[in-house]
Amino acid sequence: MRISLDDAEGQLKELVRLAKQGEEVVLTQDGMPAARIQPMKRPMTSAEKGNLIKKLQEEVKRKNLPPGPDAARSQDFLYDEHGLPK
């Protein structure tokens, strides 16, 4: 649904309700799209975040990847034996 800002004035509750039901609501100004009303995504709960982290860790273990470079030494090539930039 496209609606001009002038026509949308006073209809905000109805436009938000439509957006929450899945309707695309685009506000126009001078005939050009200016803004979109869309429902907010529900933030993840702590439990959902924990489950996602566990799932990702298990996936990485299943892939049996070799260890990556040691982060503490990954930039050594940029410095000389005295610790000064090359």
PDB file of N, CA and C in Angstrom:
ATOM      1  N   MET A   1       0.843  -1.170   0.000  1.00  0.00           N
ATOM      2  CA  MET A   1       0.000   0.000   0.000  1.00  0.00           C
ATOM      3  C   MET A   1       0.888   1.233   0.000  1.00  0.00           C
ATOM      4  N   ARG A   2       0.596   2.141  -0.888  1.00  0.00           N
ATOM      5  CA  ARG A   2       1.289   3.434  -0.926  1.00  0.00           C
ATOM      6  C   ARG A   2       0.285   4.493  -0.522  1.00  0.00           C
ATOM      7  N   ILE A   3       0.693   5.375   0.362  1.00  0.00           N
ATOM      8  CA  ILE A   3      -0.199   6.421   0.844  1.00  0.00           C
ATOM      9  C   ILE A   3       0.607   7.689   1.065  1.00  0.00           C
ATOM     10  N   SER A   4       0.047   8.813   0.663  1.00  0.00           N
ATOM     11  CA  SER A   4       0.772  10.074   0.840  1.00  0.00           C
ATOM     12  C   SER A   4       0.770  10.473   2.310  1.00  0.00           C
ATOM     13  N   LEU A   5       1.752  11.267   2.691  1.00  0.00           N
ATOM     14  CA  LEU A   5       1.825  11.738   4.074  1.00  0.00           C
ATOM     15  C   LEU A   5       0.565  12.491   4.466  1.00  0.00           C
ATOM     16  N   ASP A   6       0.026  13.275   3.551  1.00  0.00           N
ATOM     17  CA  ASP A   6      -1.193  14.030   3.852  1.00  0.00           C
ATOM     18  C   ASP A   6      -2.365  13.089   4.123  1.00  0.00           C
ATOM     19  N   ASP A   7      -2.503  12.033   3.298  1.00  0.00           N
ATOM     20  CA  ASP A   7      -3.596  11.089   3.485  1.00  0.00           C
ATOM     21  C   ASP A   7      -3.384  10.213   4.721  1.00  0.00           C
ATOM     22  N   ALA A   8      -2.123   9.966   5.077  1.00  0.00           N
ATOM     23  CA  ALA A   8      -1.814   9.106   6.220  1.00  0.00           C
ATOM     24  C   ALA A   8      -2.045   9.808   7.548  1.00  0.00           C
ATOM     25  N   GLU A   9      -2.065  11.118   7.519  1.00  0.00           N
ATOM     26  CA  GLU A   9      -2.251  11.877   8.757  1.00  0.00           C
ATOM     27  C   GLU A   9      -3.569  11.454   9.413  1.00  0.00           C
ATOM     28  N   GLY A  10      -3.491  11.083  10.666  1.00  0.00           N
ATOM     29  CA  GLY A  10      -4.672  10.652  11.401  1.00  0.00           C
ATOM     30  C   GLY A  10      -4.986   9.175  11.245  1.00  0.00           C
ATOM     31  N   GLN A  11      -4.219   8.445  10.436  1.00  0.00           N
ATOM     32  CA  GLN A  11      -4.471   7.021  10.215  1.00  0.00           C
ATOM     33  C   GLN A  11      -3.328   6.147  10.724  1.00  0.00           C
ATOM     34  N   LEU A  12      -2.499   6.690  11.563  1.00  0.00           N
ATOM     35  CA  LEU A  12      -1.293   5.971  11.976  1.00  0.00           C
ATOM     36  C   LEU A  12      -1.611   4.619  12.602  1.00  0.00           C
ATOM     37  N   LYS A  13      -2.577   4.574  13.511  1.00  0.00           N
ATOM     38  CA  LYS A  13      -2.905   3.297  14.161  1.00  0.00           C
ATOM     39  C   LYS A  13      -3.316   2.248  13.139  1.00  0.00           C
ATOM     40  N   GLU A  14      -4.137   2.632  12.178  1.00  0.00           N
ATOM     41  CA  GLU A  14      -4.587   1.697  11.150  1.00  0.00           C
ATOM     42  C   GLU A  14      -3.424   1.252  10.263  1.00  0.00           C
ATOM     43  N   LEU A  15      -2.540   2.162   9.917  1.00  0.00           N
ATOM     44  CA  LEU A  15      -1.394   1.820   9.078  1.00  0.00           C
ATOM     45  C   LEU A  15      -0.440   0.877   9.806  1.00  0.00           C
ATOM     46  N   VAL A  16      -0.232   1.101  11.092  1.00  0.00           N
ATOM     47  CA  VAL A  16       0.624   0.204  11.887  1.00  0.00           C
ATOM     48  C   VAL A  16      -0.024  -1.172  11.975  1.00  0.00           C
ATOM     49  N   ARG A  17      -1.326  -1.220  12.170  1.00  0.00           N
ATOM     50  CA  ARG A  17      -2.044  -2.503  12.249  1.00  0.00           C
ATOM     51  C   ARG A  17      -1.866  -3.285  10.940  1.00  0.00           C
ATOM     52  N   LEU A  18      -2.003  -2.598   9.810  1.00  0.00           N
ATOM     53  CA  LEU A  18      -1.820  -3.242   8.514  1.00  0.00           C
ATOM     54  C   LEU A  18      -0.394  -3.766   8.347  1.00  0.00           C
ATOM     55  N   ALA A  19       0.561  -2.965   8.757  1.00  0.00           N
ATOM     56  CA  ALA A  19       1.965  -3.381   8.647  1.00  0.00           C
ATOM     57  C   ALA A  19       2.225  -4.620   9.503  1.00  0.00           C
ATOM     58  N   LYS A  20       1.660  -4.660  10.702  1.00  0.00           N
ATOM     59  CA  LYS A  20       1.849  -5.816  11.582  1.00  0.00           C
ATOM     60  C   LYS A  20       1.221  -7.071  11.000  1.00  0.00           C
ATOM     61  N   GLN A  21       0.216  -6.909  10.157  1.00  0.00           N
ATOM     62  CA  GLN A  21      -0.437  -8.052   9.511  1.00  0.00           C
ATOM     63  C   GLN A  21       0.293  -8.487   8.238  1.00  0.00           C
ATOM     64  N   GLY A  22       1.369  -7.781   7.890  1.00  0.00           N
ATOM     65  CA  GLY A  22       2.171  -8.176   6.741  1.00  0.00           C
ATOM     66  C   GLY A  22       2.013  -7.288   5.519  1.00  0.00           C
ATOM     67  N   GLU A  23       1.140  -6.320   5.589  1.00  0.00           N
ATOM     68  CA  GLU A  23       0.950  -5.394   4.466  1.00  0.00           C
ATOM     69  C   GLU A  23       2.148  -4.453   4.374  1.00  0.00           C
ATOM     70  N   GLU A  24       2.650  -4.233   3.160  1.00  0.00           N
ATOM     71  CA  GLU A  24       3.727  -3.262   2.969  1.00  0.00           C
ATOM     72  C   GLU A  24       3.091  -1.869   2.926  1.00  0.00           C
ATOM     73  N   VAL A  25       3.498  -1.005   3.839  1.00  0.00           N
ATOM     74  CA  VAL A  25       2.957   0.351   3.910  1.00  0.00           C
ATOM     75  C   VAL A  25       4.085   1.325   3.597  1.00  0.00           C
ATOM     76  N   VAL A  26       3.957   2.039   2.475  1.00  0.00           N
ATOM     77  CA  VAL A  26       4.968   3.005   2.057  1.00  0.00           C
ATOM     78  C   VAL A  26       4.338   4.394   2.091  1.00  0.00           C
ATOM     79  N   LEU A  27       4.963   5.290   2.813  1.00  0.00           N
ATOM     80  CA  LEU A  27       4.511   6.676   2.861  1.00  0.00           C
ATOM     81  C   LEU A  27       5.220   7.449   1.762  1.00  0.00           C
ATOM     82  N   THR A  28       4.452   8.239   1.034  1.00  0.00           N
ATOM     83  CA  THR A  28       5.034   8.998  -0.061  1.00  0.00           C
ATOM     84  C   THR A  28       4.941  10.498   0.218  1.00  0.00           C
ATOM     85  N   GLN A  29       5.889  11.209  -0.354  1.00  0.00           N
ATOM     86  CA  GLN A  29       5.908  12.672  -0.263  1.00  0.00           C
ATOM     87  C   GLN A  29       6.201  13.192  -1.671  1.00  0.00           C
ATOM     88  N   ASP A  30       5.343  14.025  -2.165  1.00  0.00           N
ATOM     89  CA  ASP A  30       5.452  14.537  -3.536  1.00  0.00           C
ATOM     90  C   ASP A  30       5.518  13.399  -4.555  1.00  0.00           C
ATOM     91  N   GLY A  31       4.765  12.326  -4.273  1.00  0.00           N
ATOM     92  CA  GLY A  31       4.700  11.192  -5.189  1.00  0.00           C
ATOM     93  C   GLY A  31       5.862  10.228  -5.123  1.00  0.00           C
ATOM     94  N   MET A  32       6.853  10.515  -4.301  1.00  0.00           N
ATOM     95  CA  MET A  32       8.037   9.656  -4.190  1.00  0.00           C
ATOM     96  C   MET A  32       8.036   8.950  -2.835  1.00  0.00           C
ATOM     97  N   PRO A  33       8.490   7.704  -2.783  1.00  0.00           N
ATOM     98  CA  PRO A  33       8.560   6.996  -1.501  1.00  0.00           C
ATOM     99  C   PRO A  33       9.439   7.763  -0.516  1.00  0.00           C
ATOM    100  N   ALA A  34       8.942   7.928   0.711  1.00  0.00           N
ATOM    101  CA  ALA A  34       9.687   8.671   1.721  1.00  0.00           C
ATOM    102  C   ALA A  34      10.010   7.811   2.936  1.00  0.00           C
ATOM    103  N   ALA A  35       9.117   6.885   3.274  1.00  0.00           N
ATOM    104  CA  ALA A  35       9.332   6.052   4.463  1.00  0.00           C
ATOM    105  C   ALA A  35       8.498   4.788   4.337  1.00  0.00           C
ATOM    106  N   ARG A  36       8.882   3.787   5.100  1.00  0.00           N
ATOM    107  CA  ARG A  36       8.149   2.529   5.123  1.00  0.00           C
ATOM    108  C   ARG A  36       7.773   2.230   6.573  1.00  0.00           C
ATOM    109  N   ILE A  37       6.555   1.762   6.768  1.00  0.00           N
ATOM    110  CA  ILE A  37       6.133   1.301   8.094  1.00  0.00           C
ATOM    111  C   ILE A  37       6.192  -0.221   8.048  1.00  0.00           C
ATOM    112  N   GLN A  38       6.951  -0.794   8.971  1.00  0.00           N
ATOM    113  CA  GLN A  38       7.055  -2.247   9.030  1.00  0.00           C
ATOM    114  C   GLN A  38       7.132  -2.681  10.481  1.00  0.00           C
ATOM    115  N   PRO A  39       6.693  -3.899  10.776  1.00  0.00           N
ATOM    116  CA  PRO A  39       6.713  -4.352  12.165  1.00  0.00           C
ATOM    117  C   PRO A  39       8.141  -4.553  12.650  1.00  0.00           C
ATOM    118  N   MET A  40       8.324  -4.383  13.947  1.00  0.00           N
ATOM    119  CA  MET A  40       9.624  -4.597  14.567  1.00  0.00           C
ATOM    120  C   MET A  40       9.863  -6.090  14.746  1.00  0.00           C
ATOM    121  N   LYS A  41      11.103  -6.494  14.582  1.00  0.00           N
ATOM    122  CA  LYS A  41      11.464  -7.877  14.876  1.00  0.00           C
ATOM    123  C   LYS A  41      11.612  -8.010  16.385  1.00  0.00           C
ATOM    124  N   ARG A  42      11.115  -9.120  16.888  1.00  0.00           N
ATOM    125  CA  ARG A  42      11.224  -9.377  18.316  1.00  0.00           C
ATOM    126  C   ARG A  42      12.686  -9.691  18.645  1.00  0.00           C
ATOM    127  N   PRO A  43      13.244  -9.018  19.657  1.00  0.00           N
ATOM    128  CA  PRO A  43      14.638  -9.307  20.022  1.00  0.00           C
ATOM    129  C   PRO A  43      14.771 -10.721  20.585  1.00  0.00           C
ATOM    130  N   MET A  44      15.938 -11.311  20.390  1.00  0.00           N
ATOM    131  CA  MET A  44      16.189 -12.657  20.916  1.00  0.00           C
ATOM    132  C   MET A  44      16.287 -12.617  22.431  1.00  0.00           C
ATOM    133  N   THR A  45      15.768 -13.654  23.058  1.00  0.00           N
ATOM    134  CA  THR A  45      15.914 -13.773  24.509  1.00  0.00           C
ATOM    135  C   THR A  45      17.308 -14.323  24.805  1.00  0.00           C
ATOM    136  N   SER A  46      17.711 -14.235  26.060  1.00  0.00           N
ATOM    137  CA  SER A  46      19.022 -14.769  26.463  1.00  0.00           C
ATOM    138  C   SER A  46      19.108 -16.263  26.173  1.00  0.00           C
ATOM    139  N   ALA A  47      18.012 -16.968  26.414  1.00  0.00           N
ATOM    140  CA  ALA A  47      18.000 -18.410  26.164  1.00  0.00           C
ATOM    141  C   ALA A  47      18.165 -18.698  24.673  1.00  0.00           C
ATOM    142  N   GLU A  48      17.492 -17.916  23.828  1.00  0.00           N
ATOM    143  CA  GLU A  48      17.624 -18.109  22.380  1.00  0.00           C
ATOM    144  C   GLU A  48      19.043 -17.820  21.914  1.00  0.00           C
ATOM    145  N   LYS A  49      19.653 -16.774  22.477  1.00  0.00           N
ATOM    146  CA  LYS A  49      21.045 -16.458  22.123  1.00  0.00           C
ATOM    147  C   LYS A  49      21.968 -17.595  22.525  1.00  0.00           C
ATOM    148  N   GLY A  50      21.767 -18.128  23.733  1.00  0.00           N
ATOM    149  CA  GLY A  50      22.590 -19.240  24.212  1.00  0.00           C
ATOM    150  C   GLY A  50      22.448 -20.461  23.326  1.00  0.00           C
ATOM    151  N   ASN A  51      21.209 -20.768  22.928  1.00  0.00           N
ATOM    152  CA  ASN A  51      20.972 -21.914  22.050  1.00  0.00           C
ATOM    153  C   ASN A  51      21.631 -21.718  20.687  1.00  0.00           C
ATOM    154  N   LEU A  52      21.582 -20.509  20.168  1.00  0.00           N
ATOM    155  CA  LEU A  52      22.226 -20.216  18.884  1.00  0.00           C
ATOM    156  C   LEU A  52      23.738 -20.386  18.977  1.00  0.00           C
ATOM    157  N   ILE A  53      24.333 -19.901  20.052  1.00  0.00           N
ATOM    158  CA  ILE A  53      25.780 -20.046  20.248  1.00  0.00           C
ATOM    159  C   ILE A  53      26.161 -21.515  20.325  1.00  0.00           C
ATOM    160  N   LYS A  54      25.392 -22.312  21.087  1.00  0.00           N
ATOM    161  CA  LYS A  54      25.675 -23.752  21.197  1.00  0.00           C
ATOM    162  C   LYS A  54      25.570 -24.425  19.842  1.00  0.00           C
ATOM    163  N   LYS A  55      24.545 -24.070  19.076  1.00  0.00           N
ATOM    164  CA  LYS A  55      24.348 -24.655  17.753  1.00  0.00           C
ATOM    165  C   LYS A  55      25.535 -24.338  16.841  1.00  0.00           C
ATOM    166  N   LEU A  56      25.997 -23.085  16.865  1.00  0.00           N
ATOM    167  CA  LEU A  56      27.137 -22.690  16.037  1.00  0.00           C
ATOM    168  C   LEU A  56      28.410 -23.404  16.471  1.00  0.00           C
ATOM    169  N   GLN A  57      28.613 -23.533  17.791  1.00  0.00           N
ATOM    170  CA  GLN A  57      29.801 -24.235  18.287  1.00  0.00           C
ATOM    171  C   GLN A  57      29.786 -25.694  17.844  1.00  0.00           C
ATOM    172  N   GLU A  58      28.623 -26.343  17.911  1.00  0.00           N
ATOM    173  CA  GLU A  58      28.516 -27.741  17.485  1.00  0.00           C
ATOM    174  C   GLU A  58      28.788 -27.882  15.988  1.00  0.00           C
ATOM    175  N   GLU A  59      28.298 -26.921  15.218  1.00  0.00           N
ATOM    176  CA  GLU A  59      28.520 -26.952  13.767  1.00  0.00           C
ATOM    177  C   GLU A  59      30.003 -26.830  13.440  1.00  0.00           C
ATOM    178  N   VAL A  60      30.699 -25.958  14.144  1.00  0.00           N
ATOM    179  CA  VAL A  60      32.138 -25.791  13.921  1.00  0.00           C
ATOM    180  C   VAL A  60      32.878 -27.069  14.306  1.00  0.00           C
ATOM    181  N   LYS A  61      32.488 -27.702  15.424  1.00  0.00           N
ATOM    182  CA  LYS A  61      33.132 -28.957  15.836  1.00  0.00           C
ATOM    183  C   LYS A  61      32.926 -30.052  14.794  1.00  0.00           C
ATOM    184  N   ARG A  62      31.710 -30.121  14.224  1.00  0.00           N
ATOM    185  CA  ARG A  62      31.414 -31.144  13.213  1.00  0.00           C
ATOM    186  C   ARG A  62      32.274 -30.965  11.964  1.00  0.00           C
ATOM    187  N   LYS A  63      32.611 -29.729  11.629  1.00  0.00           N
ATOM    188  CA  LYS A  63      33.418 -29.471  10.438  1.00  0.00           C
ATOM    189  C   LYS A  63      34.877 -29.855  10.655  1.00  0.00           C
ATOM    190  N   ASN A  64      35.284 -30.009  11.924  1.00  0.00           N
ATOM    191  CA  ASN A  64      36.636 -30.445  12.254  1.00  0.00           C
ATOM    192  C   ASN A  64      37.690 -29.614  11.528  1.00  0.00           C
ATOM    193  N   LEU A  65      37.583 -28.312  11.627  1.00  0.00           N
ATOM    194  CA  LEU A  65      38.503 -27.397  10.967  1.00  0.00           C
ATOM    195  C   LEU A  65      39.836 -27.326  11.706  1.00  0.00           C
ATOM    196  N   PRO A  66      40.935 -27.133  10.969  1.00  0.00           N
ATOM    197  CA  PRO A  66      42.221 -26.967  11.645  1.00  0.00           C
ATOM    198  C   PRO A  66      42.224 -25.623  12.383  1.00  0.00           C
ATOM    199  N   PRO A  67      43.008 -25.513  13.441  1.00  0.00           N
ATOM    200  CA  PRO A  67      43.043 -24.239  14.173  1.00  0.00           C
ATOM    201  C   PRO A  67      43.592 -23.127  13.293  1.00  0.00           C
ATOM    202  N   GLY A  68      43.093 -21.941  13.496  1.00  0.00           N
ATOM    203  CA  GLY A  68      43.546 -20.786  12.730  1.00  0.00           C
ATOM    204  C   GLY A  68      44.850 -20.250  13.285  1.00  0.00           C
ATOM    205  N   PRO A  69      45.347 -19.152  12.730  1.00  0.00           N
ATOM    206  CA  PRO A  69      46.607 -18.577  13.208  1.00  0.00           C
ATOM    207  C   PRO A  69      46.454 -18.050  14.635  1.00  0.00           C
ATOM    208  N   ASP A  70      47.549 -18.051  15.342  1.00  0.00           N
ATOM    209  CA  ASP A  70      47.566 -17.518  16.703  1.00  0.00           C
ATOM    210  C   ASP A  70      47.397 -16.008  16.613  1.00  0.00           C
ATOM    211  N   ALA A  71      46.337 -15.496  17.184  1.00  0.00           N
ATOM    212  CA  ALA A  71      46.037 -14.061  17.099  1.00  0.00           C
ATOM    213  C   ALA A  71      47.143 -13.218  17.722  1.00  0.00           C
ATOM    214  N   ALA A  72      47.797 -13.747  18.741  1.00  0.00           N
ATOM    215  CA  ALA A  72      48.844 -12.986  19.414  1.00  0.00           C
ATOM    216  C   ALA A  72      50.054 -12.773  18.512  1.00  0.00           C
ATOM    217  N   ARG A  73      50.234 -13.615  17.499  1.00  0.00           N
ATOM    218  CA  ARG A  73      51.407 -13.530  16.621  1.00  0.00           C
ATOM    219  C   ARG A  73      51.034 -13.262  15.167  1.00  0.00           C
ATOM    220  N   SER A  74      49.775 -12.991  14.873  1.00  0.00           N
ATOM    221  CA  SER A  74      49.332 -12.893  13.491  1.00  0.00           C
ATOM    222  C   SER A  74      49.862 -11.667  12.753  1.00  0.00           C
ATOM    223  N   GLN A  75      50.350 -10.664  13.478  1.00  0.00           N
ATOM    224  CA  GLN A  75      50.835  -9.448  12.823  1.00  0.00           C
ATOM    225  C   GLN A  75      52.348  -9.254  12.990  1.00  0.00           C
ATOM    226  N   ASP A  76      53.050 -10.284  13.424  1.00  0.00           N
ATOM    227  CA  ASP A  76      54.490 -10.177  13.667  1.00  0.00           C
ATOM    228  C   ASP A  76      55.272  -9.754  12.426  1.00  0.00           C
ATOM    229  N   PHE A  77      54.806 -10.125  11.241  1.00  0.00           N
ATOM    230  CA  PHE A  77      55.542  -9.797  10.020  1.00  0.00           C
ATOM    231  C   PHE A  77      55.634  -8.284   9.797  1.00  0.00           C
ATOM    232  N   LEU A  78      54.828  -7.511  10.484  1.00  0.00           N
ATOM    233  CA  LEU A  78      54.850  -6.061  10.319  1.00  0.00           C
ATOM    234  C   LEU A  78      55.954  -5.384  11.144  1.00  0.00           C
ATOM    235  N   TYR A  79      56.593  -6.141  12.068  1.00  0.00           N
ATOM    236  CA  TYR A  79      57.550  -5.540  13.006  1.00  0.00           C
ATOM    237  C   TYR A  79      58.902  -6.242  12.935  1.00  0.00           C
ATOM    238  N   ASP A  80      59.944  -5.479  13.241  1.00  0.00           N
ATOM    239  CA  ASP A  80      61.280  -6.076  13.257  1.00  0.00           C
ATOM    240  C   ASP A  80      61.549  -6.754  14.596  1.00  0.00           C
ATOM    241  N   GLU A  81      62.789  -7.228  14.762  1.00  0.00           N
ATOM    242  CA  GLU A  81      63.141  -7.978  15.977  1.00  0.00           C
ATOM    243  C   GLU A  81      63.113  -7.127  17.243  1.00  0.00           C
ATOM    244  N   HIS A  82      63.071  -5.789  17.093  1.00  0.00           N
ATOM    245  CA  HIS A  82      63.004  -4.888  18.241  1.00  0.00           C
ATOM    246  C   HIS A  82      61.582  -4.435  18.537  1.00  0.00           C
ATOM    247  N   GLY A  83      60.629  -4.923  17.780  1.00  0.00           N
ATOM    248  CA  GLY A  83      59.242  -4.558  17.987  1.00  0.00           C
ATOM    249  C   GLY A  83      58.828  -3.274  17.317  1.00  0.00           C
ATOM    250  N   LEU A  84      59.710  -2.746  16.449  1.00  0.00           N
ATOM    251  CA  LEU A  84      59.412  -1.499  15.744  1.00  0.00           C
ATOM    252  C   LEU A  84      58.829  -1.819  14.357  1.00  0.00           C
ATOM    253  N   PRO A  85      57.961  -0.957  13.861  1.00  0.00           N
ATOM    254  CA  PRO A  85      57.396  -1.210  12.533  1.00  0.00           C
ATOM    255  C   PRO A  85      58.492  -1.265  11.479  1.00  0.00           C
ATOM    256  N   LYS A  86      58.332  -2.150  10.510  1.00  0.00           N
ATOM    257  CA  LYS A  86      59.300  -2.286   9.408  1.00  0.00           C
ATOM    258  C   LYS A  86      59.124  -1.155   8.432  1.00  0.00           C
TER     259      LYS A  86
END
